[in-house]
């Protein structure tokens, strides 16, 4: 009975989206520090705190969008939109989560605290203004992803390659544009009722962007492979040989976005797509092998 009562609150934090916070570990992995106990510990704490951080943002977003979510085919099932959790209870839960996050972040380091505050502040702007401005909505989402990897770098005390920042920005943009493209496809003329900014996007424009971004991301990944500011001594040529796997995975995501069989978000559907999962496992395994065993 206790688990049943807790579940809606956990659901409110959107654990299915926590996979995005795995980016917090990337600075540690790419710096060759994934075998150091302290780095693993600090990165794990940073990941947990960012899950609380992003979860608090989702609570705020659901609270603000409750009326629009109630007319969306899948969002209407969320705890707030469905009435499973009251608005007042969600605000109390938000305060608790924020308190835990800020306390933990301040104990980790001042710079990490500033990064988490920057992420939360950016998302307040996104929730109440930027999400309604075309293109700026995607830029703010992408900036949030950059703050994730910055938090990971600050947590373990390593610097970031500019190419890694560029890669992260364009990858996040692909996810953001993909969601909007899919919503336009599935909801058609009703899309702007659930996400007003969709009134300013056109299917053809989004399609062209989604076809171009995998190429841009693949090229920027190659730039990172041979970048002089990349910390690890991993063989750049071996890293570059993993590019086709990245390109396949990115275009696979485009295909997921183009499918109207599921009304769920493509960022959720991609976590259940077998070819994309296999490609991700192959690439991740290759990266670990190149960085730590060759």
Protein backbone atom coordinates (compact mmCIF):
# COMPACT_ATOMS: atom_id res chain seq x y z
CA UNK A 1 0.00 0.00 0.00
CA UNK A 2 2.87 2.35 0.84
CA UNK A 3 4.55 1.73 -2.54
CA UNK A 4 1.29 2.43 -4.32
CA UNK A 5 0.95 5.83 -2.58
CA UNK A 6 4.57 6.77 -3.30
CA UNK A 7 4.49 5.79 -6.97
CA UNK A 8 2.63 8.91 -8.26
CA UNK A 9 5.23 11.16 -6.64
CA UNK A 10 8.09 9.19 -8.17
CA UNK A 11 6.27 9.37 -11.49
CA UNK A 12 6.03 13.14 -11.08
CA UNK A 13 9.85 13.26 -11.19
CA UNK A 14 9.79 11.50 -14.60
CA UNK A 15 12.37 8.74 -13.94
CA UNK A 16 12.08 7.69 -17.60
CA UNK A 17 13.84 10.97 -18.43
CA UNK A 18 16.74 10.44 -16.02
CA UNK A 19 18.70 8.77 -18.79
CA UNK A 20 19.50 12.31 -19.98
CA UNK A 21 21.32 12.90 -16.71
CA UNK A 22 23.79 10.12 -17.57
CA UNK A 23 25.61 12.91 -19.42
CA UNK A 24 26.91 13.89 -15.98
CA UNK A 25 29.22 10.85 -16.18
CA UNK A 26 30.64 11.74 -19.62
CA UNK A 27 33.40 14.15 -18.45
CA UNK A 28 34.70 11.49 -16.08
CA UNK A 29 34.64 8.77 -18.76
CA UNK A 30 36.22 10.93 -21.47
CA UNK A 31 38.90 12.16 -19.06
CA UNK A 32 39.98 8.57 -18.42
CA UNK A 33 39.01 8.85 -14.76
CA UNK A 34 36.30 6.17 -14.64
CA UNK A 35 38.59 3.80 -12.73
CA UNK A 36 39.11 6.22 -9.85
CA UNK A 37 36.87 5.58 -6.84
CA UNK A 38 36.53 9.24 -5.88
CA UNK A 39 35.54 10.24 -9.42
CA UNK A 40 32.92 7.49 -9.57
CA UNK A 41 31.54 8.55 -6.18
CA UNK A 42 31.37 12.26 -7.00
CA UNK A 43 29.86 11.62 -10.43
CA UNK A 44 27.24 9.32 -8.91
CA UNK A 45 26.27 11.94 -6.33
CA UNK A 46 26.13 14.57 -9.09
CA UNK A 47 23.89 12.29 -11.16
CA UNK A 48 21.51 11.76 -8.23
CA UNK A 49 21.33 15.48 -7.48
CA UNK A 50 20.68 16.32 -11.11
CA UNK A 51 17.86 13.79 -11.17
CA UNK A 52 16.32 15.72 -8.28
CA UNK A 53 17.05 18.98 -10.09
CA UNK A 54 15.46 17.93 -13.38
CA UNK A 55 12.63 16.26 -11.44
CA UNK A 56 11.80 19.54 -9.72
CA UNK A 57 11.70 21.22 -13.12
CA UNK A 58 9.23 18.59 -14.38
CA UNK A 59 7.00 19.20 -11.35
CA UNK A 60 7.00 22.93 -12.04
CA UNK A 61 6.36 22.35 -15.74
CA UNK A 62 3.46 19.95 -15.08
CA UNK A 63 1.96 22.39 -12.57
CA UNK A 64 2.13 25.21 -15.11
CA UNK A 65 0.80 23.10 -18.02
CA UNK A 66 -1.90 21.17 -16.18
CA UNK A 67 -4.77 22.46 -18.32
CA UNK A 68 -3.05 21.82 -21.66
CA UNK A 69 -1.84 18.40 -20.50
CA UNK A 70 -5.44 17.35 -19.79
CA UNK A 71 -6.29 17.53 -23.52
CA UNK A 72 -3.11 15.74 -24.66
CA UNK A 73 -3.54 12.01 -25.57
CA UNK A 74 -0.71 10.81 -23.29
CA UNK A 75 0.16 13.75 -21.01
CA UNK A 76 -3.35 13.62 -19.54
CA UNK A 77 -2.24 10.47 -17.70
CA UNK A 78 0.44 12.32 -15.72
CA UNK A 79 -0.19 12.49 -11.94
CA UNK A 80 -1.10 16.19 -11.87
CA UNK A 81 -3.16 16.28 -15.07
CA UNK A 82 -5.08 13.14 -14.06
CA UNK A 83 -5.78 14.48 -10.58
CA UNK A 84 -3.87 11.66 -8.89
CA UNK A 85 -1.84 14.30 -7.07
CA UNK A 86 -3.33 17.65 -6.06
CA UNK A 87 -1.68 20.94 -7.03
CA UNK A 88 -1.01 21.81 -3.38
CA UNK A 89 0.60 18.41 -2.71
CA UNK A 90 2.83 18.81 -5.76
CA UNK A 91 4.08 22.18 -4.48
CA UNK A 92 4.93 20.69 -1.07
CA UNK A 93 6.77 17.86 -2.82
CA UNK A 94 8.59 20.42 -5.00
CA UNK A 95 9.86 22.27 -1.92
CA UNK A 96 11.11 19.01 -0.38
CA UNK A 97 12.93 17.95 -3.55
CA UNK A 98 14.50 21.39 -4.02
CA UNK A 99 15.67 21.45 -0.40
CA UNK A 100 17.34 18.05 -0.76
CA UNK A 101 18.95 19.03 -4.05
CA UNK A 102 20.31 22.38 -2.87
CA UNK A 103 21.63 20.91 0.39
CA UNK A 104 23.43 18.10 -1.45
CA UNK A 105 24.80 20.44 -4.13
CA UNK A 106 26.20 22.86 -1.55
CA UNK A 107 27.95 19.98 0.22
CA UNK A 108 29.53 18.79 -3.04
CA UNK A 109 31.07 22.13 -4.04
CA UNK A 110 30.22 25.79 -4.55
CA UNK A 111 30.77 25.51 -8.32
CA UNK A 112 28.45 22.52 -8.53
CA UNK A 113 25.82 24.43 -6.56
CA UNK A 114 26.11 27.37 -8.97
CA UNK A 115 25.75 25.01 -11.93
CA UNK A 116 22.62 23.40 -10.51
CA UNK A 117 21.16 26.82 -9.71
CA UNK A 118 21.93 27.89 -13.28
CA UNK A 119 20.12 24.82 -14.62
CA UNK A 120 17.07 25.39 -12.45
CA UNK A 121 16.94 29.12 -13.24
CA UNK A 122 17.20 28.44 -16.96
CA UNK A 123 14.31 26.00 -16.73
CA UNK A 124 12.17 28.48 -14.82
CA UNK A 125 12.68 30.84 -17.76
CA UNK A 126 11.88 27.97 -20.12
CA UNK A 127 8.71 26.99 -18.27
CA UNK A 128 7.22 30.49 -18.11
CA UNK A 129 8.59 32.12 -21.27
CA UNK A 130 11.18 30.46 -23.50
CA UNK A 131 9.10 27.35 -24.25
CA UNK A 132 6.70 29.62 -26.13
CA UNK A 133 9.40 31.22 -28.33
CA UNK A 134 10.32 29.22 -31.48
CA UNK A 135 13.99 28.21 -31.76
CA UNK A 136 14.78 29.77 -28.38
CA UNK A 137 12.89 26.86 -26.83
CA UNK A 138 15.34 24.40 -28.39
CA UNK A 139 18.37 26.57 -27.60
CA UNK A 140 17.38 26.66 -23.93
CA UNK A 141 16.90 22.86 -23.88
CA UNK A 142 20.33 22.38 -25.46
CA UNK A 143 21.90 24.78 -22.96
CA UNK A 144 20.41 22.65 -20.19
CA UNK A 145 22.22 19.61 -21.59
CA UNK A 146 25.49 21.55 -21.63
CA UNK A 147 24.94 22.42 -17.96
CA UNK A 148 24.59 18.68 -17.27
CA UNK A 149 28.06 17.92 -18.62
CA UNK A 150 29.45 21.03 -16.96
CA UNK A 151 28.09 19.75 -13.64
CA UNK A 152 29.80 16.41 -14.25
CA UNK A 153 33.10 18.14 -15.02
CA UNK A 154 32.87 20.35 -11.93
CA UNK A 155 32.02 17.34 -9.75
CA UNK A 156 35.23 15.47 -10.66
CA UNK A 157 37.44 18.50 -11.32
CA UNK A 158 38.19 18.08 -15.02
CA UNK A 159 37.99 20.53 -17.91
CA UNK A 160 35.67 20.21 -20.90
CA UNK A 161 36.64 20.03 -24.55
CA UNK A 162 34.89 22.68 -26.64
CA UNK A 163 34.04 19.95 -29.15
CA UNK A 164 32.26 17.97 -26.43
CA UNK A 165 30.16 21.03 -25.65
CA UNK A 166 29.34 21.48 -29.36
CA UNK A 167 28.41 17.79 -29.67
CA UNK A 168 26.15 17.98 -26.64
CA UNK A 169 24.41 21.11 -27.91
CA UNK A 170 23.55 19.63 -31.31
CA UNK A 171 22.55 16.25 -29.84
CA UNK A 172 20.13 17.96 -27.48
CA UNK A 173 18.80 20.04 -30.38
CA UNK A 174 18.12 16.83 -32.31
CA UNK A 175 16.07 15.48 -29.39
CA UNK A 176 14.15 18.74 -29.01
CA UNK A 177 13.36 19.18 -32.70
CA UNK A 178 12.49 15.49 -32.92
CA UNK A 179 9.85 15.81 -30.21
CA UNK A 180 8.28 18.81 -31.91
CA UNK A 181 8.30 17.11 -35.31
CA UNK A 182 6.62 14.03 -33.86
CA UNK A 183 3.96 16.08 -32.06
CA UNK A 184 3.12 17.94 -35.27
CA UNK A 185 2.83 14.63 -37.13
CA UNK A 186 0.65 12.96 -34.52
CA UNK A 187 -1.54 15.84 -33.39
CA UNK A 188 -1.78 17.82 -36.64
CA UNK A 189 -3.87 20.99 -36.33
CA UNK A 190 -4.43 20.32 -32.61
CA UNK A 191 -0.69 20.36 -31.83
CA UNK A 192 -0.60 24.03 -30.83
CA UNK A 193 -3.35 23.45 -28.26
CA UNK A 194 -1.02 21.27 -26.18
CA UNK A 195 2.23 23.09 -27.08
CA UNK A 196 1.53 26.65 -28.35
CA UNK A 197 5.00 27.10 -29.86
CA UNK A 198 4.18 24.42 -32.45
CA UNK A 199 2.06 26.99 -34.26
CA UNK A 200 5.34 28.58 -35.39
CA UNK A 201 7.00 25.38 -36.65
CA UNK A 202 6.52 23.78 -40.05
CA UNK A 203 6.87 20.07 -40.75
CA UNK A 204 9.13 20.63 -43.76
CA UNK A 205 11.50 22.88 -41.79
CA UNK A 206 11.73 20.42 -38.92
CA UNK A 207 12.22 17.53 -41.35
CA UNK A 208 15.13 19.33 -43.01
CA UNK A 209 16.68 20.13 -39.63
CA UNK A 210 16.35 16.51 -38.44
CA UNK A 211 18.00 15.23 -41.62
CA UNK A 212 20.88 17.68 -41.31
CA UNK A 213 21.70 17.40 -37.60
CA UNK A 214 23.00 13.78 -37.71
CA UNK A 215 25.61 14.88 -40.25
CA UNK A 216 26.56 17.92 -38.17
CA UNK A 217 26.80 15.82 -34.99
CA UNK A 218 28.90 13.15 -36.73
CA UNK A 219 31.31 15.80 -38.05
CA UNK A 220 31.57 17.52 -34.66
CA UNK A 221 32.27 14.12 -33.08
CA UNK A 222 35.15 13.68 -35.51
CA UNK A 223 36.36 17.13 -34.47
CA UNK A 224 36.33 15.98 -30.84
CA UNK A 225 38.23 12.79 -31.71
CA UNK A 226 41.19 14.79 -33.03
CA UNK A 227 40.85 17.82 -30.73
CA UNK A 228 44.04 18.87 -28.87
CA UNK A 229 42.02 19.76 -25.75
CA UNK A 230 40.64 16.22 -25.37
CA UNK A 231 42.08 15.07 -22.02
CA UNK A 232 42.49 11.33 -22.55
CA UNK A 233 45.25 9.78 -24.60
CA UNK A 234 42.86 7.42 -26.42
CA UNK A 235 43.74 6.75 -30.08
CA UNK A 236 41.85 9.39 -32.14
CA UNK A 237 41.68 7.14 -35.20
CA UNK A 238 40.01 4.32 -33.25
CA UNK A 239 37.54 6.81 -31.79
CA UNK A 240 36.78 8.14 -35.27
CA UNK A 241 36.03 4.61 -36.50
CA UNK A 242 32.98 4.56 -34.20
CA UNK A 243 31.38 7.45 -36.12
CA UNK A 244 29.23 5.23 -38.43
CA UNK A 245 27.54 3.74 -35.35
CA UNK A 246 26.70 7.25 -34.13
CA UNK A 247 25.34 8.25 -37.53
CA UNK A 248 23.16 5.13 -37.68
CA UNK A 249 21.76 5.76 -34.18
CA UNK A 250 20.96 9.39 -34.99
CA UNK A 251 19.11 8.56 -38.18
CA UNK A 252 17.34 5.76 -36.35
CA UNK A 253 16.06 8.39 -33.94
CA UNK A 254 14.82 10.39 -36.94
CA UNK A 255 12.85 7.34 -38.09
CA UNK A 256 11.33 6.99 -34.61
CA UNK A 257 10.27 10.63 -34.75
CA UNK A 258 8.72 10.05 -38.18
CA UNK A 259 6.54 7.18 -36.99
CA UNK A 260 2.94 7.92 -36.04
CA UNK A 261 2.26 4.42 -34.66
CA UNK A 262 2.90 5.62 -31.11
CA UNK A 263 1.66 8.85 -29.58
CA UNK A 264 4.30 8.67 -26.85
CA UNK A 265 7.30 10.99 -26.98
CA UNK A 266 10.09 9.78 -29.31
CA UNK A 267 12.56 10.30 -26.45
CA UNK A 268 10.60 7.61 -24.58
CA UNK A 269 10.12 5.37 -27.61
CA UNK A 270 13.85 5.39 -28.37
CA UNK A 271 14.49 3.71 -25.01
CA UNK A 272 12.46 0.73 -26.26
CA UNK A 273 13.82 0.63 -29.82
CA UNK A 274 15.98 -2.49 -30.17
CA UNK A 275 18.19 -1.34 -33.10
CA UNK A 276 18.92 1.94 -31.33
CA UNK A 277 19.66 0.17 -28.05
CA UNK A 278 22.03 -2.23 -29.81
CA UNK A 279 23.81 0.66 -31.54
CA UNK A 280 24.14 2.50 -28.23
CA UNK A 281 25.59 -0.56 -26.49
CA UNK A 282 28.06 -1.15 -29.34
CA UNK A 283 29.23 2.47 -29.31
CA UNK A 284 29.45 2.72 -25.51
CA UNK A 285 31.35 -0.57 -25.28
CA UNK A 286 33.72 0.55 -28.03
CA UNK A 287 34.41 3.85 -26.26
CA UNK A 288 35.15 2.12 -22.95
CA UNK A 289 37.39 -0.40 -24.73
CA UNK A 290 39.32 2.33 -26.56
CA UNK A 291 39.70 4.58 -23.51
CA UNK A 292 40.59 1.96 -20.91
CA UNK A 293 41.84 -1.25 -22.52
CA UNK A 294 43.71 -0.33 -25.72
